[in-house]
Amino acid sequence: MDHSSDTSQQPSATPTPVAGAVVSQRRRRFIQAGVVPVGLTLASRPVMAWHCNTTSAWGSAVLRNGGASVQARADNAVLSNTECWTISNWVGNTVRSQVSSSAPWSFVAAYWFSGKSYSYCKNNLTVAKVYPGGLKNVSPTAKVADLFAQSSSSYATMMLVARLNTLFAGHNVAQCVVSSTGEDMLIKMASQGPNVFKPNNSSGAAWTSTDFYNYLKDNWLIS
């Protein structure tokens, strides 16, 4: 189904992500020593399929520069099979078959707008719906589609895409941001913002906007 244009037709049922994850075809070489460097690019990410660490496991591994025991704990904490939509999928409302045969905004429609059209969703989905607790430095009344159109690489876009992926991509994506106490750390990241947020029990410095970006990208929550 093409969701790229407005239509009054309503879906017969809530779209469902593909059962189980389809392993990415982009096989990557394992890094033989240390953890993923903070600035590692998408093209050189390790491991065979999309995967993630919680903020605490990933942050500790990076902070301690990949010591063997820290690396082992981070490896043990990896969640695999976390395929989700890319930023371009959300910006253009395009299908990614590894996630679902439906385009991502159809999930927005089913969840918040009783299956209304793509255009209706674009005109009515605000930051406050995605982050009820607030997204630091971003207006709660701003329209998500407008922010996507302004920049596909902005802080607002990356945080919104990450949250939408945890809400709708299925698989294990939602668990990527849940702490050992059950707290959704993406919500905490959003409400506190850069230069304030720290993972639970962190003894390091507050995360900068670059740290936010690196965590979300290196853990496949945005791409």
N, C-alpha and C. Protein backbone atom coordinates (compact mmCIF):
# COMPACT_ATOMS: atom_id res chain seq x y z
N MET A 1 0.85 -1.20 0.00
CA MET A 1 0.00 0.00 0.00
C MET A 1 0.88 1.24 0.00
N ASP A 2 0.53 2.20 -0.78
CA ASP A 2 1.29 3.44 -0.87
C ASP A 2 0.72 4.44 0.11
N HIS A 3 1.54 4.81 1.12
CA HIS A 3 1.08 5.76 2.14
C HIS A 3 1.64 7.14 1.87
N SER A 4 2.21 7.34 0.69
CA SER A 4 2.88 8.62 0.44
C SER A 4 1.91 9.72 0.04
N SER A 5 0.65 9.40 -0.20
CA SER A 5 -0.32 10.43 -0.54
C SER A 5 -1.52 10.34 0.35
N ASP A 6 -2.25 11.43 0.42
CA ASP A 6 -3.41 11.50 1.30
C ASP A 6 -4.52 10.58 0.80
N THR A 7 -5.21 9.93 1.72
CA THR A 7 -6.32 9.08 1.37
C THR A 7 -7.27 9.01 2.53
N SER A 8 -8.54 8.90 2.27
CA SER A 8 -9.52 8.83 3.34
C SER A 8 -9.77 7.40 3.77
N GLN A 9 -9.18 6.44 3.06
CA GLN A 9 -9.38 5.04 3.41
C GLN A 9 -8.73 4.74 4.74
N GLN A 10 -9.40 4.01 5.60
CA GLN A 10 -8.87 3.65 6.89
C GLN A 10 -8.42 2.20 6.87
N PRO A 11 -7.30 1.88 7.53
CA PRO A 11 -6.82 0.51 7.54
C PRO A 11 -7.80 -0.41 8.25
N SER A 12 -7.85 -1.65 7.81
CA SER A 12 -8.77 -2.61 8.40
C SER A 12 -8.30 -3.08 9.75
N ALA A 13 -7.01 -2.97 10.00
CA ALA A 13 -6.47 -3.39 11.29
C ALA A 13 -5.18 -2.65 11.55
N THR A 14 -4.78 -2.63 12.81
CA THR A 14 -3.52 -2.00 13.15
C THR A 14 -2.39 -2.72 12.45
N PRO A 15 -1.50 -2.01 11.72
CA PRO A 15 -0.40 -2.68 11.04
C PRO A 15 0.51 -3.37 12.04
N THR A 16 1.07 -4.47 11.64
CA THR A 16 1.88 -5.29 12.54
C THR A 16 3.28 -5.44 11.98
N PRO A 17 4.33 -5.21 12.80
CA PRO A 17 5.69 -5.41 12.33
C PRO A 17 5.91 -6.86 11.92
N VAL A 18 6.92 -7.07 11.07
CA VAL A 18 7.28 -8.41 10.67
C VAL A 18 7.60 -9.24 11.90
N ALA A 19 7.13 -10.47 11.96
CA ALA A 19 7.41 -11.33 13.10
C ALA A 19 8.86 -11.73 13.07
N GLY A 20 9.61 -11.33 14.11
CA GLY A 20 11.02 -11.62 14.13
C GLY A 20 11.76 -10.63 13.25
N ALA A 21 13.06 -10.53 13.43
CA ALA A 21 13.83 -9.57 12.65
C ALA A 21 14.49 -10.26 11.47
N VAL A 22 14.62 -9.54 10.40
CA VAL A 22 15.37 -10.04 9.26
C VAL A 22 16.77 -9.50 9.38
N VAL A 23 17.74 -10.40 9.38
CA VAL A 23 19.13 -9.99 9.59
C VAL A 23 19.59 -9.12 8.45
N SER A 24 20.20 -8.00 8.78
CA SER A 24 20.70 -7.08 7.76
C SER A 24 21.71 -7.76 6.85
N GLN A 25 21.66 -7.42 5.59
CA GLN A 25 22.58 -7.99 4.62
C GLN A 25 23.95 -7.33 4.67
N ARG A 26 24.02 -6.21 5.35
CA ARG A 26 25.30 -5.50 5.40
C ARG A 26 26.18 -6.09 6.49
N ARG A 27 26.88 -7.16 6.15
CA ARG A 27 27.75 -7.83 7.12
C ARG A 27 28.97 -6.96 7.39
N ARG A 28 29.34 -6.88 8.64
CA ARG A 28 30.48 -6.06 9.01
C ARG A 28 31.49 -6.87 9.79
N ARG A 29 32.71 -6.51 9.64
CA ARG A 29 33.76 -7.22 10.37
C ARG A 29 33.69 -6.90 11.85
N PHE A 30 34.00 -7.90 12.64
CA PHE A 30 34.06 -7.68 14.08
C PHE A 30 35.29 -6.84 14.41
N ILE A 31 35.13 -5.96 15.37
CA ILE A 31 36.27 -5.21 15.89
C ILE A 31 36.99 -6.13 16.88
N GLN A 32 38.27 -6.29 16.70
CA GLN A 32 39.00 -7.30 17.45
C GLN A 32 39.37 -6.85 18.86
N ALA A 33 39.43 -5.56 19.08
CA ALA A 33 39.81 -5.09 20.41
C ALA A 33 39.03 -3.83 20.73
N GLY A 34 38.59 -3.74 21.98
CA GLY A 34 37.90 -2.54 22.43
C GLY A 34 36.46 -2.49 21.97
N VAL A 35 35.76 -1.49 22.48
CA VAL A 35 34.36 -1.31 22.10
C VAL A 35 34.27 -0.38 20.93
N VAL A 36 33.05 -0.16 20.48
CA VAL A 36 32.83 0.76 19.38
C VAL A 36 33.28 2.15 19.80
N PRO A 37 34.20 2.78 19.09
CA PRO A 37 34.59 4.14 19.43
C PRO A 37 33.40 5.07 19.33
N VAL A 38 33.44 6.14 20.13
CA VAL A 38 32.31 7.05 20.17
C VAL A 38 32.00 7.63 18.81
N GLY A 39 33.00 7.91 18.00
CA GLY A 39 32.78 8.54 16.71
C GLY A 39 32.64 7.57 15.56
N LEU A 40 32.45 6.30 15.84
CA LEU A 40 32.39 5.31 14.77
C LEU A 40 31.25 5.61 13.81
N THR A 41 31.50 5.50 12.52
CA THR A 41 30.49 5.83 11.52
C THR A 41 29.61 4.63 11.23
N LEU A 42 28.49 4.91 10.56
CA LEU A 42 27.56 3.85 10.19
C LEU A 42 28.24 2.81 9.34
N ALA A 43 29.08 3.24 8.40
CA ALA A 43 29.68 2.31 7.46
C ALA A 43 30.61 1.32 8.15
N SER A 44 31.14 1.67 9.32
CA SER A 44 32.09 0.79 9.97
C SER A 44 31.59 0.20 11.28
N ARG A 45 30.27 0.24 11.49
CA ARG A 45 29.74 -0.37 12.71
C ARG A 45 29.99 -1.86 12.72
N PRO A 46 30.23 -2.43 13.92
CA PRO A 46 30.54 -3.85 13.98
C PRO A 46 29.29 -4.72 14.05
N VAL A 47 29.53 -6.02 14.07
CA VAL A 47 28.52 -7.04 14.27
C VAL A 47 27.65 -7.22 13.02
N MET A 48 27.01 -8.37 12.92
CA MET A 48 26.37 -8.75 11.68
C MET A 48 24.99 -8.16 11.47
N ALA A 49 24.28 -7.84 12.54
CA ALA A 49 22.91 -7.35 12.40
C ALA A 49 22.69 -6.17 13.34
N TRP A 50 21.57 -5.51 13.16
CA TRP A 50 21.25 -4.38 14.04
C TRP A 50 21.13 -4.87 15.48
N HIS A 51 21.65 -4.07 16.40
CA HIS A 51 21.71 -4.47 17.80
C HIS A 51 21.83 -3.21 18.66
N CYS A 52 21.70 -3.36 19.96
CA CYS A 52 21.84 -2.19 20.82
C CYS A 52 22.30 -2.58 22.21
N ASN A 53 22.79 -1.60 22.93
CA ASN A 53 23.07 -1.66 24.36
C ASN A 53 22.17 -0.64 25.06
N THR A 54 21.90 -0.85 26.33
CA THR A 54 21.26 0.18 27.12
C THR A 54 22.21 1.36 27.28
N THR A 55 21.70 2.49 27.71
CA THR A 55 22.57 3.65 27.90
C THR A 55 23.66 3.37 28.91
N SER A 56 23.34 2.66 29.99
CA SER A 56 24.32 2.39 31.04
C SER A 56 25.44 1.48 30.54
N ALA A 57 25.08 0.40 29.86
CA ALA A 57 26.09 -0.54 29.37
C ALA A 57 26.97 0.10 28.31
N TRP A 58 26.35 0.81 27.39
CA TRP A 58 27.12 1.46 26.33
C TRP A 58 27.98 2.58 26.89
N GLY A 59 27.39 3.40 27.75
CA GLY A 59 28.13 4.53 28.31
C GLY A 59 29.33 4.09 29.14
N SER A 60 29.17 3.02 29.91
CA SER A 60 30.27 2.53 30.73
C SER A 60 31.40 2.00 29.86
N ALA A 61 31.04 1.29 28.80
CA ALA A 61 32.05 0.71 27.92
C ALA A 61 32.86 1.81 27.23
N VAL A 62 32.19 2.84 26.77
CA VAL A 62 32.88 3.94 26.11
C VAL A 62 33.72 4.72 27.12
N LEU A 63 33.15 4.99 28.29
CA LEU A 63 33.85 5.75 29.32
C LEU A 63 35.15 5.09 29.73
N ARG A 64 35.12 3.76 29.84
CA ARG A 64 36.31 3.04 30.29
C ARG A 64 37.16 2.53 29.14
N ASN A 65 36.81 2.98 27.93
CA ASN A 65 37.64 2.73 26.75
C ASN A 65 37.83 1.25 26.45
N GLY A 66 36.82 0.47 26.73
CA GLY A 66 36.83 -0.90 26.23
C GLY A 66 37.73 -1.86 26.94
N GLY A 67 37.95 -1.71 28.25
CA GLY A 67 38.69 -2.73 28.98
C GLY A 67 38.01 -4.08 28.83
N ALA A 68 38.78 -5.16 28.97
CA ALA A 68 38.25 -6.49 28.67
C ALA A 68 37.01 -6.83 29.49
N SER A 69 37.03 -6.54 30.79
CA SER A 69 35.89 -6.90 31.63
C SER A 69 34.67 -6.05 31.29
N VAL A 70 34.91 -4.77 31.00
CA VAL A 70 33.82 -3.89 30.62
C VAL A 70 33.25 -4.30 29.28
N GLN A 71 34.15 -4.66 28.34
CA GLN A 71 33.69 -5.10 27.03
C GLN A 71 32.84 -6.36 27.16
N ALA A 72 33.25 -7.27 28.02
CA ALA A 72 32.49 -8.51 28.20
C ALA A 72 31.10 -8.22 28.74
N ARG A 73 31.01 -7.29 29.70
CA ARG A 73 29.70 -6.94 30.25
C ARG A 73 28.83 -6.27 29.20
N ALA A 74 29.45 -5.41 28.38
CA ALA A 74 28.69 -4.75 27.32
C ALA A 74 28.20 -5.76 26.29
N ASP A 75 29.07 -6.71 25.94
CA ASP A 75 28.68 -7.75 24.98
C ASP A 75 27.53 -8.58 25.52
N ASN A 76 27.57 -8.89 26.82
CA ASN A 76 26.51 -9.68 27.43
C ASN A 76 25.19 -8.93 27.47
N ALA A 77 25.27 -7.61 27.44
CA ALA A 77 24.06 -6.78 27.54
C ALA A 77 23.47 -6.44 26.18
N VAL A 78 24.11 -6.89 25.10
CA VAL A 78 23.62 -6.55 23.77
C VAL A 78 22.26 -7.19 23.51
N LEU A 79 21.37 -6.40 22.96
CA LEU A 79 20.09 -6.92 22.45
C LEU A 79 20.19 -6.96 20.94
N SER A 80 19.97 -8.13 20.36
CA SER A 80 20.05 -8.26 18.92
C SER A 80 18.66 -8.21 18.30
N ASN A 81 18.63 -8.27 16.97
CA ASN A 81 17.36 -8.24 16.23
C ASN A 81 16.55 -6.98 16.55
N THR A 82 17.17 -5.83 16.35
CA THR A 82 16.50 -4.57 16.65
C THR A 82 16.31 -3.74 15.39
N GLU A 83 15.95 -4.39 14.30
CA GLU A 83 15.71 -3.67 13.06
C GLU A 83 14.62 -2.61 13.26
N CYS A 84 14.87 -1.42 12.76
CA CYS A 84 13.86 -0.37 12.84
C CYS A 84 13.95 0.53 11.60
N TRP A 85 13.05 1.49 11.51
CA TRP A 85 13.04 2.37 10.34
C TRP A 85 14.18 3.38 10.40
N THR A 86 14.66 3.75 9.24
CA THR A 86 15.68 4.78 9.15
C THR A 86 15.03 6.17 9.22
N ILE A 87 15.86 7.18 9.38
CA ILE A 87 15.36 8.55 9.35
C ILE A 87 14.67 8.82 8.02
N SER A 88 15.27 8.37 6.93
CA SER A 88 14.66 8.64 5.62
C SER A 88 13.32 7.93 5.47
N ASN A 89 13.16 6.75 6.09
CA ASN A 89 11.85 6.08 6.08
C ASN A 89 10.80 6.94 6.75
N TRP A 90 11.15 7.54 7.87
CA TRP A 90 10.19 8.39 8.58
C TRP A 90 9.93 9.70 7.84
N VAL A 91 10.98 10.30 7.30
CA VAL A 91 10.81 11.56 6.59
C VAL A 91 9.95 11.37 5.34
N GLY A 92 10.18 10.28 4.60
CA GLY A 92 9.46 10.05 3.36
C GLY A 92 8.31 9.08 3.45
N ASN A 93 8.07 8.52 4.66
CA ASN A 93 7.03 7.53 4.88
C ASN A 93 7.16 6.35 3.92
N THR A 94 8.35 5.76 3.89
CA THR A 94 8.63 4.65 2.99
C THR A 94 8.78 3.35 3.76
N VAL A 95 8.47 2.27 3.10
CA VAL A 95 8.51 0.94 3.71
C VAL A 95 9.95 0.47 3.89
N ARG A 96 10.22 -0.19 4.99
CA ARG A 96 11.45 -0.95 5.16
C ARG A 96 11.03 -2.37 5.51
N SER A 97 11.24 -3.29 4.58
CA SER A 97 10.66 -4.63 4.70
C SER A 97 11.17 -5.39 5.91
N GLN A 98 12.38 -5.05 6.39
CA GLN A 98 12.91 -5.73 7.58
C GLN A 98 12.10 -5.42 8.83
N VAL A 99 11.31 -4.35 8.77
CA VAL A 99 10.48 -3.96 9.91
C VAL A 99 9.03 -4.34 9.69
N SER A 100 8.48 -3.92 8.55
CA SER A 100 7.07 -4.17 8.27
C SER A 100 6.79 -3.96 6.80
N SER A 101 5.73 -4.55 6.32
CA SER A 101 5.28 -4.29 4.95
C SER A 101 4.47 -3.00 4.86
N SER A 102 4.20 -2.38 5.99
CA SER A 102 3.49 -1.10 6.04
C SER A 102 4.47 0.04 6.28
N ALA A 103 4.16 1.21 5.77
CA ALA A 103 4.99 2.39 6.00
C ALA A 103 4.84 2.86 7.44
N PRO A 104 5.86 3.53 7.98
CA PRO A 104 5.86 3.83 9.41
C PRO A 104 4.72 4.72 9.90
N TRP A 105 4.30 5.69 9.07
CA TRP A 105 3.25 6.60 9.54
C TRP A 105 1.90 5.90 9.67
N SER A 106 1.74 4.74 9.08
CA SER A 106 0.49 4.00 9.26
C SER A 106 0.34 3.54 10.71
N PHE A 107 1.46 3.33 11.39
CA PHE A 107 1.42 2.97 12.81
C PHE A 107 1.03 4.18 13.66
N VAL A 108 1.54 5.35 13.26
CA VAL A 108 1.15 6.59 13.93
C VAL A 108 -0.36 6.79 13.80
N ALA A 109 -0.87 6.58 12.59
CA ALA A 109 -2.30 6.75 12.33
C ALA A 109 -3.13 5.81 13.19
N ALA A 110 -2.74 4.55 13.24
CA ALA A 110 -3.51 3.55 13.99
C ALA A 110 -3.47 3.81 15.49
N TYR A 111 -2.34 4.30 15.99
CA TYR A 111 -2.14 4.45 17.43
C TYR A 111 -2.77 5.73 17.98
N TRP A 112 -2.60 6.83 17.25
CA TRP A 112 -3.03 8.12 17.79
C TRP A 112 -4.23 8.74 17.08
N PHE A 113 -4.50 8.33 15.85
CA PHE A 113 -5.48 9.06 15.04
C PHE A 113 -6.55 8.17 14.42
N SER A 114 -6.82 7.04 15.02
CA SER A 114 -7.91 6.16 14.57
C SER A 114 -7.84 5.84 13.09
N GLY A 115 -6.62 5.65 12.59
CA GLY A 115 -6.45 5.23 11.20
C GLY A 115 -6.67 6.30 10.16
N LYS A 116 -6.58 7.56 10.54
CA LYS A 116 -6.78 8.64 9.57
C LYS A 116 -5.63 8.69 8.56
N SER A 117 -5.76 9.58 7.60
CA SER A 117 -4.82 9.63 6.48
C SER A 117 -3.43 10.11 6.91
N TYR A 118 -2.47 9.84 6.03
CA TYR A 118 -1.10 10.28 6.24
C TYR A 118 -1.03 11.80 6.38
N SER A 119 -1.73 12.51 5.50
CA SER A 119 -1.72 13.98 5.57
C SER A 119 -2.30 14.48 6.89
N TYR A 120 -3.34 13.84 7.36
CA TYR A 120 -3.93 14.23 8.64
C TYR A 120 -2.90 14.05 9.76
N CYS A 121 -2.22 12.92 9.74
CA CYS A 121 -1.20 12.66 10.77
C CYS A 121 -0.10 13.72 10.73
N LYS A 122 0.37 14.04 9.53
CA LYS A 122 1.42 15.05 9.40
C LYS A 122 0.99 16.39 9.96
N ASN A 123 -0.27 16.71 9.81
CA ASN A 123 -0.78 18.00 10.28
C ASN A 123 -1.11 18.03 11.76
N ASN A 124 -1.11 16.86 12.40
CA ASN A 124 -1.56 16.82 13.79
C ASN A 124 -0.61 16.16 14.78
N LEU A 125 0.39 15.45 14.30
CA LEU A 125 1.34 14.83 15.23
C LEU A 125 2.31 15.88 15.75
N THR A 126 2.25 16.14 17.05
CA THR A 126 3.12 17.14 17.67
C THR A 126 4.18 16.46 18.54
N VAL A 127 5.16 17.23 18.90
CA VAL A 127 6.23 16.74 19.78
C VAL A 127 5.63 16.25 21.09
N ALA A 128 4.62 16.92 21.60
CA ALA A 128 4.02 16.56 22.89
C ALA A 128 3.40 15.17 22.86
N LYS A 129 2.90 14.73 21.70
CA LYS A 129 2.35 13.38 21.61
C LYS A 129 3.46 12.34 21.69
N VAL A 130 4.57 12.62 21.06
CA VAL A 130 5.68 11.67 21.04
C VAL A 130 6.43 11.66 22.37
N TYR A 131 6.61 12.84 22.93
CA TYR A 131 7.28 12.98 24.23
C TYR A 131 6.37 13.77 25.18
N PRO A 132 5.43 13.11 25.83
CA PRO A 132 4.52 13.82 26.76
C PRO A 132 5.26 14.54 27.88
N GLY A 133 6.44 14.03 28.24
CA GLY A 133 7.23 14.66 29.30
C GLY A 133 8.12 15.77 28.79
N GLY A 134 8.08 16.03 27.52
CA GLY A 134 8.86 17.12 26.94
C GLY A 134 10.12 16.66 26.24
N LEU A 135 10.49 17.41 25.21
CA LEU A 135 11.76 17.24 24.51
C LEU A 135 12.51 18.55 24.68
N LYS A 136 13.55 18.51 25.48
CA LYS A 136 14.28 19.73 25.88
C LYS A 136 14.65 20.58 24.68
N ASN A 137 14.37 21.86 24.78
CA ASN A 137 14.72 22.86 23.78
C ASN A 137 13.90 22.77 22.50
N VAL A 138 12.84 21.96 22.51
CA VAL A 138 11.96 21.84 21.34
C VAL A 138 10.54 22.13 21.79
N SER A 139 9.82 22.94 21.05
CA SER A 139 8.46 23.31 21.43
C SER A 139 7.54 22.09 21.41
N PRO A 140 6.75 21.89 22.47
CA PRO A 140 5.84 20.75 22.50
C PRO A 140 4.75 20.83 21.44
N THR A 141 4.47 22.02 20.93
CA THR A 141 3.42 22.18 19.91
C THR A 141 3.97 22.07 18.49
N ALA A 142 5.28 21.95 18.35
CA ALA A 142 5.87 21.83 17.01
C ALA A 142 5.39 20.55 16.35
N LYS A 143 5.12 20.62 15.06
CA LYS A 143 4.69 19.44 14.33
C LYS A 143 5.90 18.59 13.95
N VAL A 144 5.79 17.31 14.19
CA VAL A 144 6.89 16.39 13.91
C VAL A 144 7.28 16.44 12.44
N ALA A 145 6.31 16.43 11.54
CA ALA A 145 6.60 16.45 10.11
C ALA A 145 7.34 17.72 9.70
N ASP A 146 7.01 18.84 10.34
CA ASP A 146 7.70 20.10 10.03
C ASP A 146 9.16 20.03 10.46
N LEU A 147 9.41 19.45 11.62
CA LEU A 147 10.78 19.31 12.10
C LEU A 147 11.58 18.38 11.19
N PHE A 148 10.94 17.30 10.73
CA PHE A 148 11.59 16.40 9.78
C PHE A 148 11.96 17.14 8.50
N ALA A 149 11.05 17.99 8.02
CA ALA A 149 11.27 18.71 6.77
C ALA A 149 12.37 19.75 6.91
N GLN A 150 12.48 20.34 8.09
CA GLN A 150 13.50 21.37 8.31
C GLN A 150 14.90 20.79 8.26
N SER A 151 15.08 19.62 8.87
CA SER A 151 16.40 18.98 8.88
C SER A 151 16.26 17.51 9.24
N SER A 152 16.86 16.66 8.42
CA SER A 152 16.84 15.23 8.71
C SER A 152 17.96 14.81 9.65
N SER A 153 18.81 15.77 10.03
CA SER A 153 19.94 15.43 10.90
C SER A 153 19.96 16.24 12.18
N SER A 154 18.89 16.96 12.48
CA SER A 154 18.86 17.80 13.67
C SER A 154 18.67 16.98 14.94
N TYR A 155 18.94 17.61 16.07
CA TYR A 155 18.70 16.99 17.37
C TYR A 155 17.25 16.58 17.52
N ALA A 156 16.33 17.45 17.12
CA ALA A 156 14.91 17.14 17.25
C ALA A 156 14.53 15.93 16.43
N THR A 157 15.00 15.87 15.18
CA THR A 157 14.67 14.75 14.31
C THR A 157 15.22 13.43 14.85
N MET A 158 16.47 13.44 15.30
CA MET A 158 17.04 12.17 15.76
C MET A 158 16.33 11.67 17.02
N MET A 159 15.96 12.57 17.92
CA MET A 159 15.27 12.14 19.13
C MET A 159 13.85 11.66 18.83
N LEU A 160 13.19 12.32 17.89
CA LEU A 160 11.83 11.92 17.53
C LEU A 160 11.83 10.58 16.81
N VAL A 161 12.75 10.39 15.88
CA VAL A 161 12.82 9.12 15.16
C VAL A 161 13.14 7.98 16.11
N ALA A 162 14.07 8.20 17.03
CA ALA A 162 14.40 7.15 18.00
C ALA A 162 13.18 6.76 18.82
N ARG A 163 12.44 7.75 19.28
CA ARG A 163 11.25 7.47 20.08
C ARG A 163 10.16 6.76 19.27
N LEU A 164 9.94 7.21 18.05
CA LEU A 164 8.95 6.57 17.20
C LEU A 164 9.33 5.12 16.90
N ASN A 165 10.62 4.88 16.73
CA ASN A 165 11.08 3.51 16.50
C ASN A 165 10.85 2.62 17.72
N THR A 166 11.10 3.16 18.91
CA THR A 166 10.86 2.34 20.10
C THR A 166 9.37 2.08 20.31
N LEU A 167 8.54 2.99 19.85
CA LEU A 167 7.10 2.81 19.99
C LEU A 167 6.52 1.81 18.99
N PHE A 168 7.04 1.82 17.75
CA PHE A 168 6.32 1.14 16.68
C PHE A 168 7.10 0.07 15.91
N ALA A 169 8.40 0.00 16.05
CA ALA A 169 9.16 -0.93 15.21
C ALA A 169 9.05 -2.38 15.68
N GLY A 170 8.58 -2.61 16.90
CA GLY A 170 8.46 -3.99 17.37
C GLY A 170 9.83 -4.59 17.65
N HIS A 171 9.93 -5.90 17.43
CA HIS A 171 11.17 -6.62 17.69
C HIS A 171 11.61 -6.34 19.14
N ASN A 172 12.89 -6.06 19.35
CA ASN A 172 13.37 -5.76 20.70
C ASN A 172 13.70 -4.28 20.87
N VAL A 173 13.28 -3.45 19.93
CA VAL A 173 13.73 -2.07 19.91
C VAL A 173 13.38 -1.32 21.19
N ALA A 174 12.18 -1.50 21.70
CA ALA A 174 11.76 -0.77 22.90
C ALA A 174 12.64 -1.08 24.10
N GLN A 175 13.18 -2.31 24.15
CA GLN A 175 13.99 -2.71 25.30
C GLN A 175 15.38 -2.07 25.29
N CYS A 176 15.77 -1.52 24.14
CA CYS A 176 17.10 -0.92 24.05
C CYS A 176 17.30 0.23 25.05
N VAL A 177 16.23 0.93 25.37
CA VAL A 177 16.36 2.13 26.19
C VAL A 177 15.82 1.95 27.60
N VAL A 178 15.53 0.71 27.98
CA VAL A 178 15.00 0.45 29.32
C VAL A 178 16.13 0.09 30.27
N SER A 179 16.19 0.78 31.40
CA SER A 179 17.24 0.53 32.39
C SER A 179 16.93 -0.72 33.20
N SER A 180 17.86 -1.11 34.04
CA SER A 180 17.67 -2.29 34.89
C SER A 180 16.53 -2.11 35.88
N THR A 181 16.15 -0.86 36.13
CA THR A 181 15.03 -0.58 37.04
C THR A 181 13.71 -0.39 36.29
N GLY A 182 13.74 -0.56 34.97
CA GLY A 182 12.53 -0.44 34.18
C GLY A 182 12.23 0.96 33.68
N GLU A 183 13.16 1.89 33.89
CA GLU A 183 12.94 3.27 33.45
C GLU A 183 13.28 3.42 31.97
N ASP A 184 12.45 4.14 31.24
CA ASP A 184 12.71 4.43 29.84
C ASP A 184 13.71 5.59 29.78
N MET A 185 14.96 5.27 29.43
CA MET A 185 16.01 6.27 29.47
C MET A 185 15.91 7.26 28.31
N LEU A 186 15.23 6.89 27.24
CA LEU A 186 15.04 7.84 26.15
C LEU A 186 14.13 8.98 26.60
N ILE A 187 13.12 8.66 27.39
CA ILE A 187 12.25 9.69 27.97
C ILE A 187 13.06 10.60 28.88
N LYS A 188 13.95 10.02 29.66
CA LYS A 188 14.80 10.81 30.54
C LYS A 188 15.77 11.67 29.75
N MET A 189 16.36 11.11 28.69
CA MET A 189 17.24 11.88 27.82
C MET A 189 16.50 13.09 27.26
N ALA A 190 15.27 12.86 26.81
CA ALA A 190 14.48 13.92 26.19
C ALA A 190 14.13 15.03 27.18
N SER A 191 13.69 14.66 28.36
CA SER A 191 13.24 15.65 29.32
C SER A 191 14.39 16.45 29.93
N GLN A 192 15.53 15.79 30.16
CA GLN A 192 16.67 16.48 30.76
C GLN A 192 17.52 17.20 29.72
N GLY A 193 17.72 16.58 28.59
CA GLY A 193 18.47 17.20 27.51
C GLY A 193 19.97 17.07 27.65
N PRO A 194 20.70 17.46 26.60
CA PRO A 194 22.17 17.43 26.62
C PRO A 194 22.74 18.28 27.75
N ASN A 195 23.89 17.87 28.24
CA ASN A 195 24.63 18.56 29.29
C ASN A 195 23.98 18.46 30.66
N VAL A 196 22.91 17.65 30.75
CA VAL A 196 22.27 17.36 32.03
C VAL A 196 22.12 15.86 32.22
N PHE A 197 21.67 15.17 31.18
CA PHE A 197 21.39 13.74 31.28
C PHE A 197 22.65 12.92 31.53
N LYS A 198 22.51 11.93 32.44
CA LYS A 198 23.51 10.89 32.66
C LYS A 198 22.77 9.56 32.75
N PRO A 199 23.38 8.48 32.24
CA PRO A 199 22.78 7.17 32.49
C PRO A 199 22.73 6.89 33.99
N ASN A 200 21.82 6.05 34.40
CA ASN A 200 21.70 5.70 35.82
C ASN A 200 23.02 5.18 36.35
N ASN A 201 23.37 5.61 37.54
CA ASN A 201 24.58 5.17 38.24
C ASN A 201 25.87 5.59 37.53
N SER A 202 25.78 6.57 36.64
CA SER A 202 26.98 7.01 35.94
C SER A 202 27.82 7.93 36.81
N SER A 203 29.13 7.72 36.77
CA SER A 203 30.05 8.60 37.49
C SER A 203 30.75 9.56 36.55
N GLY A 204 30.40 9.50 35.27
CA GLY A 204 31.04 10.35 34.28
C GLY A 204 30.32 11.67 34.11
N ALA A 205 30.78 12.43 33.15
CA ALA A 205 30.18 13.73 32.86
C ALA A 205 28.82 13.55 32.20
N ALA A 206 28.01 14.59 32.28
CA ALA A 206 26.72 14.57 31.59
C ALA A 206 26.96 14.43 30.09
N TRP A 207 26.03 13.78 29.43
CA TRP A 207 26.16 13.57 28.00
C TRP A 207 25.91 14.86 27.23
N THR A 208 26.73 15.10 26.23
CA THR A 208 26.53 16.23 25.33
C THR A 208 25.58 15.81 24.20
N SER A 209 25.21 16.77 23.35
CA SER A 209 24.36 16.43 22.20
C SER A 209 25.08 15.45 21.27
N THR A 210 26.42 15.54 21.21
CA THR A 210 27.19 14.58 20.42
C THR A 210 27.09 13.19 21.02
N ASP A 211 27.12 13.10 22.34
CA ASP A 211 26.96 11.80 23.01
C ASP A 211 25.59 11.22 22.73
N PHE A 212 24.56 12.06 22.75
CA PHE A 212 23.22 11.60 22.39
C PHE A 212 23.22 10.99 21.00
N TYR A 213 23.78 11.74 20.06
CA TYR A 213 23.82 11.29 18.67
C TYR A 213 24.58 9.97 18.54
N ASN A 214 25.75 9.91 19.17
CA ASN A 214 26.57 8.70 19.05
C ASN A 214 25.88 7.48 19.66
N TYR A 215 25.23 7.67 20.79
CA TYR A 215 24.52 6.54 21.40
C TYR A 215 23.41 6.05 20.48
N LEU A 216 22.58 6.96 20.00
CA LEU A 216 21.44 6.57 19.17
C LEU A 216 21.89 5.94 17.86
N LYS A 217 22.95 6.47 17.26
CA LYS A 217 23.42 5.96 15.98
C LYS A 217 24.19 4.65 16.13
N ASP A 218 25.09 4.58 17.11
CA ASP A 218 25.88 3.37 17.28
C ASP A 218 25.07 2.21 17.83
N ASN A 219 23.89 2.51 18.32
CA ASN A 219 22.99 1.45 18.81
C ASN A 219 21.77 1.30 17.91
N TRP A 220 21.86 1.82 16.70
CA TRP A 220 20.90 1.57 15.63
C TRP A 220 19.48 2.09 15.88
N LEU A 221 19.32 2.99 16.83
CA LEU A 221 18.01 3.58 17.04
C LEU A 221 17.70 4.65 16.01
N ILE A 222 18.75 5.21 15.41
CA ILE A 222 18.60 6.06 14.23
C ILE A 222 19.62 5.59 13.20
N SER A 223 19.32 5.84 11.96
CA SER A 223 20.23 5.43 10.88
C SER A 223 19.94 6.25 9.64
